[in-house]
Amino acid sequence: MIPWILLDTAKVPDGLGELRLMKRGDEFSIMSGATELMNSRLSGSEKALAALVCERLGQRPKPRLLIGGLGMGFTLRAALAELGADAEIVVAELVPAVISWARGPMAGIFGTSLTDPRVSLFEGDVGSLIRSGQTAYDAILLDVDNGPGGLTRAANDGLYDTRGLDAARTALRPGGMLAVWSSAPDRDFTLRLRKAGFGVDEVKVRANGKAGGARHLIWIATKAVTGAKASPVRAPR
C-alpha cells in the first residue's frame, strides 16, 4: 500500500482547525481533521452539481454562474464542458492555499480550466458576493462544506439560514437556481428553502457517478418567475 504524503496545510479564515492536502501516488485528498472533504478519485456528485444545473438552464443566453468552493475543480470543469462560449462563471474560494494547490501540485487535475476566458476567480467569502446585490446570477452552486452547515467554518452557517437563503434568492434572476451539495439529507434545510420561496427538487447522486460509491444529495432550489407559484417539494430520487 502506497502511504499518504502530507503536501501542505492551510488555516481556514475564521474557521475550525486546518485543511491538509494529501497525496498517494496520483491520488489527492483534502482533509479537515478526520473528515475527507474531497478526493480526486471520487468526483461524480461534484460533477453532477454542475450537470444538473446546466441541464435546467437549457439554452438560456449568456448564463452567469457563481460557484462557491473551488475544491479540486470538478464542478467548475463540468460546468465548462456543458456551457457555451457566452457563459460566465465566477468561482469564490475562501482559502488562498486551495487556489495555490490548484495552480501547483494539482495543476494536472485542473488543466486549463483556471485560464478559461469564461472563468474569474474571487479570493474570499462566497457569502459576500451573494449579499452584495450588485449583480444577478442564473445559478449559485454551493459546495463549501459537507452540507448545509458550517463544518470547516461556523460562519458558513449563514449561507443556509433564513437570512442567507433570502440573500441567495435576491441574487438570483427569475427562474434562477440555488444548488447545494451535501453528504446527507437534511429535512430542516428543505423546509427552510420552501419557506424562503423556492421550489425544491432533491436529487440523490453517487460519489463516483455510475460506478457507485457513497450516496450524496443535491438540492436544486428554483426561484419562481415573477407571478408564478413555487413548485412543491419533489420526492427524493
C-alpha atoms as a PDB file:
ATOM      1  CA  MET A   1       0.000   0.000   0.000  1.00  0.00           C
ATOM      2  CA  ILE A   2       1.420   3.368  -1.030  1.00  0.00           C
ATOM      3  CA  PRO A   3       1.476   5.678   2.020  1.00  0.00           C
ATOM      4  CA  TRP A   4      -0.202   9.072   2.120  1.00  0.00           C
ATOM      5  CA  ILE A   5       2.166  12.061   2.000  1.00  0.00           C
ATOM      6  CA  LEU A   6       1.283  15.413   3.561  1.00  0.00           C
ATOM      7  CA  LEU A   7       1.964  18.107   0.943  1.00  0.00           C
ATOM      8  CA  ASP A   8       0.680  21.216   2.705  1.00  0.00           C
ATOM      9  CA  THR A   9      -1.620  22.598   5.382  1.00  0.00           C
ATOM     10  CA  ALA A  10      -3.799  25.707   5.364  1.00  0.00           C
ATOM     11  CA  LYS A  11      -5.719  27.596   8.021  1.00  0.00           C
ATOM     12  CA  VAL A  12      -9.366  28.333   7.225  1.00  0.00           C
ATOM     13  CA  PRO A  13     -10.057  32.053   7.808  1.00  0.00           C
ATOM     14  CA  ASP A  14     -12.242  32.331  10.928  1.00  0.00           C
ATOM     15  CA  GLY A  15     -12.530  28.555  10.723  1.00  0.00           C
ATOM     16  CA  LEU A  16     -12.071  25.409  12.756  1.00  0.00           C
ATOM     17  CA  GLY A  17      -8.627  23.831  12.553  1.00  0.00           C
ATOM     18  CA  GLU A  18      -6.905  23.488   9.210  1.00  0.00           C
ATOM     19  CA  LEU A  19      -7.078  21.834   5.813  1.00  0.00           C
ATOM     20  CA  ARG A  20      -4.492  19.255   4.789  1.00  0.00           C
ATOM     21  CA  LEU A  21      -3.549  18.399   1.215  1.00  0.00           C
ATOM     22  CA  MET A  22      -2.528  14.740   0.988  1.00  0.00           C
ATOM     23  CA  LYS A  23      -1.121  12.714  -1.918  1.00  0.00           C
ATOM     24  CA  ARG A  24      -0.793   8.975  -2.527  1.00  0.00           C
ATOM     25  CA  GLY A  25       0.585   8.091  -5.945  1.00  0.00           C
ATOM     26  CA  ASP A  26      -1.602  10.045  -8.394  1.00  0.00           C
ATOM     27  CA  GLU A  27      -4.431  10.421  -5.854  1.00  0.00           C
ATOM     28  CA  PHE A  28      -5.082  13.632  -3.916  1.00  0.00           C
ATOM     29  CA  SER A  29      -7.198  14.193  -0.820  1.00  0.00           C
ATOM     30  CA  ILE A  30      -8.193  17.335   1.084  1.00  0.00           C
ATOM     31  CA  MET A  31      -8.875  16.661   4.753  1.00  0.00           C
ATOM     32  CA  SER A  32     -10.360  18.637   7.642  1.00  0.00           C
ATOM     33  CA  GLY A  33      -9.470  16.841  10.843  1.00  0.00           C
ATOM     34  CA  ALA A  34     -10.526  13.213  10.366  1.00  0.00           C
ATOM     35  CA  THR A  35     -13.036  14.140   7.647  1.00  0.00           C
ATOM     36  CA  GLU A  36     -12.161  13.814   3.976  1.00  0.00           C
ATOM     37  CA  LEU A  37     -13.725  16.768   2.193  1.00  0.00           C
ATOM     38  CA  MET A  38     -12.821  15.621  -1.302  1.00  0.00           C
ATOM     39  CA  ASN A  39     -10.797  13.019  -3.160  1.00  0.00           C
ATOM     40  CA  SER A  40      -9.514  13.146  -6.721  1.00  0.00           C
ATOM     41  CA  ARG A  41     -10.887   9.635  -7.392  1.00  0.00           C
ATOM     42  CA  LEU A  42     -14.428  10.473  -6.242  1.00  0.00           C
ATOM     43  CA  SER A  43     -15.875  13.249  -8.365  1.00  0.00           C
ATOM     44  CA  GLY A  44     -19.279  12.005  -9.515  1.00  0.00           C
ATOM     45  CA  SER A  45     -21.513  14.012  -7.203  1.00  0.00           C
ATOM     46  CA  GLU A  46     -19.484  17.226  -7.591  1.00  0.00           C
ATOM     47  CA  LYS A  47     -19.766  16.910 -11.381  1.00  0.00           C
ATOM     48  CA  ALA A  48     -23.486  16.211 -11.005  1.00  0.00           C
ATOM     49  CA  LEU A  49     -23.867  19.516  -9.150  1.00  0.00           C
ATOM     50  CA  ALA A  50     -22.935  21.364 -12.354  1.00  0.00           C
ATOM     51  CA  ALA A  51     -24.592  18.955 -14.778  1.00  0.00           C
ATOM     52  CA  LEU A  52     -27.991  19.166 -13.056  1.00  0.00           C
ATOM     53  CA  VAL A  53     -27.911  22.957 -13.090  1.00  0.00           C
ATOM     54  CA  CYS A  54     -26.717  23.256 -16.692  1.00  0.00           C
ATOM     55  CA  GLU A  55     -29.393  20.825 -17.865  1.00  0.00           C
ATOM     56  CA  ARG A  56     -32.066  23.017 -16.292  1.00  0.00           C
ATOM     57  CA  LEU A  57     -30.546  26.204 -17.704  1.00  0.00           C
ATOM     58  CA  GLY A  58     -31.083  24.827 -21.193  1.00  0.00           C
ATOM     59  CA  GLN A  59     -30.315  27.339 -23.926  1.00  0.00           C
ATOM     60  CA  ARG A  60     -30.518  30.407 -21.691  1.00  0.00           C
ATOM     61  CA  PRO A  61     -28.352  33.101 -23.359  1.00  0.00           C
ATOM     62  CA  LYS A  62     -25.225  34.360 -21.580  1.00  0.00           C
ATOM     63  CA  PRO A  63     -25.745  32.373 -18.374  1.00  0.00           C
ATOM     64  CA  ARG A  64     -23.912  33.689 -15.309  1.00  0.00           C
ATOM     65  CA  LEU A  65     -22.988  31.191 -12.603  1.00  0.00           C
ATOM     66  CA  LEU A  66     -21.457  31.598  -9.167  1.00  0.00           C
ATOM     67  CA  ILE A  67     -19.637  28.567  -7.747  1.00  0.00           C
ATOM     68  CA  GLY A  68     -18.889  28.616  -4.030  1.00  0.00           C
ATOM     69  CA  GLY A  69     -15.811  26.499  -3.332  1.00  0.00           C
ATOM     70  CA  LEU A  70     -13.036  25.700  -5.806  1.00  0.00           C
ATOM     71  CA  GLY A  71     -12.031  22.406  -4.202  1.00  0.00           C
ATOM     72  CA  MET A  72     -10.476  20.161  -6.826  1.00  0.00           C
ATOM     73  CA  GLY A  73     -12.332  21.923  -9.629  1.00  0.00           C
ATOM     74  CA  PHE A  74     -14.699  19.069 -10.510  1.00  0.00           C
ATOM     75  CA  THR A  75     -17.804  21.288 -10.513  1.00  0.00           C
ATOM     76  CA  LEU A  76     -16.040  24.041 -12.448  1.00  0.00           C
ATOM     77  CA  ARG A  77     -14.773  21.713 -15.175  1.00  0.00           C
ATOM     78  CA  ALA A  78     -18.155  20.030 -15.511  1.00  0.00           C
ATOM     79  CA  ALA A  79     -19.834  23.421 -15.945  1.00  0.00           C
ATOM     80  CA  LEU A  80     -17.294  24.498 -18.562  1.00  0.00           C
ATOM     81  CA  ALA A  81     -17.939  21.297 -20.516  1.00  0.00           C
ATOM     82  CA  GLU A  82     -21.698  21.952 -20.544  1.00  0.00           C
ATOM     83  CA  LEU A  83     -21.817  25.706 -21.181  1.00  0.00           C
ATOM     84  CA  GLY A  84     -21.199  27.663 -24.356  1.00  0.00           C
ATOM     85  CA  ALA A  85     -18.685  30.376 -25.130  1.00  0.00           C
ATOM     86  CA  ASP A  86     -21.043  33.142 -23.937  1.00  0.00           C
ATOM     87  CA  ALA A  87     -21.205  31.839 -20.339  1.00  0.00           C
ATOM     88  CA  GLU A  88     -19.577  33.498 -17.335  1.00  0.00           C
ATOM     89  CA  ILE A  89     -18.502  31.561 -14.248  1.00  0.00           C
ATOM     90  CA  VAL A  90     -17.362  33.247 -11.044  1.00  0.00           C
ATOM     91  CA  VAL A  91     -15.607  30.896  -8.588  1.00  0.00           C
ATOM     92  CA  ALA A  92     -15.279  32.053  -4.985  1.00  0.00           C
ATOM     93  CA  GLU A  93     -12.665  30.353  -2.812  1.00  0.00           C
ATOM     94  CA  LEU A  94     -12.108  31.455   0.764  1.00  0.00           C
ATOM     95  CA  VAL A  95      -8.795  29.678   1.420  1.00  0.00           C
ATOM     96  CA  PRO A  96      -5.894  31.157  -0.616  1.00  0.00           C
ATOM     97  CA  ALA A  97      -3.895  27.931  -0.318  1.00  0.00           C
ATOM     98  CA  VAL A  98      -6.591  25.978  -2.168  1.00  0.00           C
ATOM     99  CA  ILE A  99      -6.053  28.245  -5.177  1.00  0.00           C
ATOM    100  CA  SER A 100      -2.293  27.760  -4.847  1.00  0.00           C
ATOM    101  CA  TRP A 101      -2.779  23.980  -4.719  1.00  0.00           C
ATOM    102  CA  ALA A 102      -4.871  24.168  -7.899  1.00  0.00           C
ATOM    103  CA  ARG A 103      -2.079  26.007  -9.684  1.00  0.00           C
ATOM    104  CA  GLY A 104       0.688  23.941  -8.097  1.00  0.00           C
ATOM    105  CA  PRO A 105       0.582  20.263  -7.090  1.00  0.00           C
ATOM    106  CA  MET A 106      -2.904  19.692  -8.558  1.00  0.00           C
ATOM    107  CA  ALA A 107      -2.321  21.598 -11.803  1.00  0.00           C
ATOM    108  CA  GLY A 108      -2.574  18.365 -13.753  1.00  0.00           C
ATOM    109  CA  ILE A 109      -6.116  17.831 -12.471  1.00  0.00           C
ATOM    110  CA  PHE A 110      -7.252  21.373 -13.271  1.00  0.00           C
ATOM    111  CA  GLY A 111      -5.784  21.502 -16.760  1.00  0.00           C
ATOM    112  CA  THR A 112      -6.695  24.791 -18.485  1.00  0.00           C
ATOM    113  CA  SER A 113      -9.890  25.427 -16.515  1.00  0.00           C
ATOM    114  CA  LEU A 114      -8.483  28.313 -14.450  1.00  0.00           C
ATOM    115  CA  THR A 115      -7.271  30.158 -17.559  1.00  0.00           C
ATOM    116  CA  ASP A 116     -10.508  29.655 -19.492  1.00  0.00           C
ATOM    117  CA  PRO A 117     -11.763  33.137 -20.551  1.00  0.00           C
ATOM    118  CA  ARG A 118     -15.197  32.298 -19.154  1.00  0.00           C
ATOM    119  CA  VAL A 119     -13.805  31.921 -15.624  1.00  0.00           C
ATOM    120  CA  SER A 120     -12.952  34.513 -12.993  1.00  0.00           C
ATOM    121  CA  LEU A 121     -11.616  33.681  -9.525  1.00  0.00           C
ATOM    122  CA  PHE A 122     -12.653  35.570  -6.393  1.00  0.00           C
ATOM    123  CA  GLU A 123     -10.471  35.007  -3.341  1.00  0.00           C
ATOM    124  CA  GLY A 124     -12.888  35.499  -0.466  1.00  0.00           C
ATOM    125  CA  ASP A 125     -16.203  34.540   1.080  1.00  0.00           C
ATOM    126  CA  VAL A 126     -18.867  33.469  -1.415  1.00  0.00           C
ATOM    127  CA  GLY A 127     -21.433  34.860   1.015  1.00  0.00           C
ATOM    128  CA  SER A 128     -20.106  38.375   0.462  1.00  0.00           C
ATOM    129  CA  LEU A 129     -20.730  38.049  -3.281  1.00  0.00           C
ATOM    130  CA  ILE A 130     -24.225  36.714  -2.693  1.00  0.00           C
ATOM    131  CA  ARG A 131     -25.066  39.512  -0.274  1.00  0.00           C
ATOM    132  CA  SER A 132     -23.560  42.292  -2.392  1.00  0.00           C
ATOM    133  CA  GLY A 133     -26.681  42.581  -4.528  1.00  0.00           C
ATOM    134  CA  GLN A 134     -24.618  44.208  -7.271  1.00  0.00           C
ATOM    135  CA  THR A 135     -25.100  41.529  -9.895  1.00  0.00           C
ATOM    136  CA  ALA A 136     -27.579  38.786 -10.661  1.00  0.00           C
ATOM    137  CA  TYR A 137     -26.856  35.122 -11.305  1.00  0.00           C
ATOM    138  CA  ASP A 138     -28.692  32.452 -13.230  1.00  0.00           C
ATOM    139  CA  ALA A 139     -27.364  29.870 -10.776  1.00  0.00           C
ATOM    140  CA  ILE A 140     -25.485  29.731  -7.482  1.00  0.00           C
ATOM    141  CA  LEU A 141     -23.736  26.415  -6.765  1.00  0.00           C
ATOM    142  CA  LEU A 142     -22.523  25.800  -3.214  1.00  0.00           C
ATOM    143  CA  ASP A 143     -20.033  23.116  -2.236  1.00  0.00           C
ATOM    144  CA  VAL A 144     -18.221  24.825   0.628  1.00  0.00           C
ATOM    145  CA  ASP A 145     -18.940  22.252   3.346  1.00  0.00           C
ATOM    146  CA  ASN A 146     -20.211  18.702   3.732  1.00  0.00           C
ATOM    147  CA  GLY A 147     -23.777  20.020   3.659  1.00  0.00           C
ATOM    148  CA  PRO A 148     -25.950  22.891   4.893  1.00  0.00           C
ATOM    149  CA  GLY A 149     -23.889  23.571   7.994  1.00  0.00           C
ATOM    150  CA  GLY A 150     -20.519  25.049   8.894  1.00  0.00           C
ATOM    151  CA  LEU A 151     -18.211  22.042   9.215  1.00  0.00           C
ATOM    152  CA  THR A 152     -14.974  23.847   8.360  1.00  0.00           C
ATOM    153  CA  ARG A 153     -16.147  27.349   9.241  1.00  0.00           C
ATOM    154  CA  ALA A 154     -19.011  28.306  11.552  1.00  0.00           C
ATOM    155  CA  ALA A 155     -19.695  31.442   9.505  1.00  0.00           C
ATOM    156  CA  ASN A 156     -20.792  29.189   6.640  1.00  0.00           C
ATOM    157  CA  ASP A 157     -23.988  28.551   8.595  1.00  0.00           C
ATOM    158  CA  GLY A 158     -25.017  31.984   7.364  1.00  0.00           C
ATOM    159  CA  LEU A 159     -25.278  30.640   3.818  1.00  0.00           C
ATOM    160  CA  TYR A 160     -28.027  28.215   4.811  1.00  0.00           C
ATOM    161  CA  ASP A 161     -30.082  30.034   7.439  1.00  0.00           C
ATOM    162  CA  THR A 162     -33.151  32.116   6.646  1.00  0.00           C
ATOM    163  CA  ARG A 163     -31.234  35.325   6.006  1.00  0.00           C
ATOM    164  CA  GLY A 164     -28.692  33.535   3.826  1.00  0.00           C
ATOM    165  CA  LEU A 165     -31.373  31.919   1.689  1.00  0.00           C
ATOM    166  CA  ASP A 166     -33.179  35.243   1.328  1.00  0.00           C
ATOM    167  CA  ALA A 167     -29.924  36.802   0.114  1.00  0.00           C
ATOM    168  CA  ALA A 168     -29.402  33.985  -2.390  1.00  0.00           C
ATOM    169  CA  ARG A 169     -32.937  34.370  -3.696  1.00  0.00           C
ATOM    170  CA  THR A 170     -32.374  38.111  -4.164  1.00  0.00           C
ATOM    171  CA  ALA A 171     -29.104  37.483  -6.024  1.00  0.00           C
ATOM    172  CA  LEU A 172     -30.781  35.127  -8.496  1.00  0.00           C
ATOM    173  CA  ARG A 173     -32.550  36.175 -11.644  1.00  0.00           C
ATOM    174  CA  PRO A 174     -36.166  34.996 -12.070  1.00  0.00           C
ATOM    175  CA  GLY A 175     -36.078  31.272 -12.745  1.00  0.00           C
ATOM    176  CA  GLY A 176     -32.545  31.095 -11.353  1.00  0.00           C
ATOM    177  CA  MET A 177     -31.337  28.203  -9.208  1.00  0.00           C
ATOM    178  CA  LEU A 178     -29.564  27.702  -5.904  1.00  0.00           C
ATOM    179  CA  ALA A 179     -27.857  24.284  -5.940  1.00  0.00           C
ATOM    180  CA  VAL A 180     -26.386  22.889  -2.717  1.00  0.00           C
ATOM    181  CA  TRP A 181     -24.228  19.749  -2.389  1.00  0.00           C
ATOM    182  CA  SER A 182     -24.498  17.632   0.758  1.00  0.00           C
ATOM    183  CA  SER A 183     -23.118  14.358   2.035  1.00  0.00           C
ATOM    184  CA  ALA A 184     -26.504  13.564   3.632  1.00  0.00           C
ATOM    185  CA  PRO A 185     -30.186  14.603   3.572  1.00  0.00           C
ATOM    186  CA  ASP A 186     -31.402  17.432   5.795  1.00  0.00           C
ATOM    187  CA  ARG A 187     -35.178  17.778   6.023  1.00  0.00           C
ATOM    188  CA  ASP A 188     -34.975  21.026   8.018  1.00  0.00           C
ATOM    189  CA  PHE A 189     -32.959  22.627   5.230  1.00  0.00           C
ATOM    190  CA  THR A 190     -35.529  21.538   2.660  1.00  0.00           C
ATOM    191  CA  LEU A 191     -38.225  23.236   4.728  1.00  0.00           C
ATOM    192  CA  ARG A 192     -36.162  26.419   5.039  1.00  0.00           C
ATOM    193  CA  LEU A 193     -35.762  26.515   1.261  1.00  0.00           C
ATOM    194  CA  ARG A 194     -39.508  26.250   0.844  1.00  0.00           C
ATOM    195  CA  LYS A 195     -40.154  28.976   3.415  1.00  0.00           C
ATOM    196  CA  ALA A 196     -37.688  31.198   1.539  1.00  0.00           C
ATOM    197  CA  GLY A 197     -39.906  30.904  -1.550  1.00  0.00           C
ATOM    198  CA  PHE A 198     -38.007  28.329  -3.584  1.00  0.00           C
ATOM    199  CA  GLY A 199     -39.375  25.387  -5.497  1.00  0.00           C
ATOM    200  CA  VAL A 200     -37.278  22.425  -4.358  1.00  0.00           C
ATOM    201  CA  ASP A 201     -36.010  19.304  -6.080  1.00  0.00           C
ATOM    202  CA  GLU A 202     -33.935  16.840  -4.024  1.00  0.00           C
ATOM    203  CA  VAL A 203     -31.677  14.694  -6.190  1.00  0.00           C
ATOM    204  CA  LYS A 204     -29.738  11.698  -4.875  1.00  0.00           C
ATOM    205  CA  VAL A 205     -26.362  11.150  -6.524  1.00  0.00           C
ATOM    206  CA  ARG A 206     -23.449   8.751  -6.039  1.00  0.00           C
ATOM    207  CA  ALA A 207     -19.942   9.813  -5.027  1.00  0.00           C
ATOM    208  CA  ASN A 208     -18.428   8.138  -8.088  1.00  0.00           C
ATOM    209  CA  GLY A 209     -21.273   8.586 -10.543  1.00  0.00           C
ATOM    210  CA  LYS A 210     -22.369   5.420 -12.361  1.00  0.00           C
ATOM    211  CA  ALA A 211     -19.604   3.496 -10.604  1.00  0.00           C
ATOM    212  CA  GLY A 212     -21.487   3.882  -7.326  1.00  0.00           C
ATOM    213  CA  GLY A 213     -19.953   4.948  -4.042  1.00  0.00           C
ATOM    214  CA  ALA A 214     -21.497   6.819  -1.139  1.00  0.00           C
ATOM    215  CA  ARG A 215     -24.922   8.416  -1.574  1.00  0.00           C
ATOM    216  CA  HIS A 216     -24.958  12.203  -1.589  1.00  0.00           C
ATOM    217  CA  LEU A 217     -27.739  14.740  -2.073  1.00  0.00           C
ATOM    218  CA  ILE A 218     -28.099  17.871  -4.157  1.00  0.00           C
ATOM    219  CA  TRP A 219     -30.842  20.422  -3.615  1.00  0.00           C
ATOM    220  CA  ILE A 220     -31.942  22.311  -6.722  1.00  0.00           C
ATOM    221  CA  ALA A 221     -33.926  25.286  -5.406  1.00  0.00           C
ATOM    222  CA  THR A 222     -35.549  27.393  -8.104  1.00  0.00           C
ATOM    223  CA  LYS A 223     -36.615  30.995  -7.790  1.00  0.00           C
ATOM    224  CA  ALA A 224     -40.073  31.408  -9.248  1.00  0.00           C
ATOM    225  CA  VAL A 225     -40.609  33.665 -12.223  1.00  0.00           C
ATOM    226  CA  THR A 226     -42.489  36.786 -11.144  1.00  0.00           C
ATOM    227  CA  GLY A 227     -46.125  35.958 -10.643  1.00  0.00           C
ATOM    228  CA  ALA A 228     -45.578  32.182 -10.643  1.00  0.00           C
ATOM    229  CA  LYS A 229     -46.006  29.955  -7.619  1.00  0.00           C
ATOM    230  CA  ALA A 230     -43.177  27.853  -6.234  1.00  0.00           C
ATOM    231  CA  SER A 231     -43.442  24.176  -7.115  1.00  0.00           C
ATOM    232  CA  PRO A 232     -43.976  21.582  -4.380  1.00  0.00           C
ATOM    233  CA  VAL A 233     -41.132  19.574  -2.918  1.00  0.00           C
ATOM    234  CA  ARG A 234     -40.456  16.530  -5.068  1.00  0.00           C
ATOM    235  CA  ALA A 235     -39.723  13.202  -3.509  1.00  0.00           C
ATOM    236  CA  PRO A 236     -36.006  12.331  -3.406  1.00  0.00           C
ATOM    237  CA  ARG A 237     -34.904  10.165  -6.335  1.00  0.00           C
END
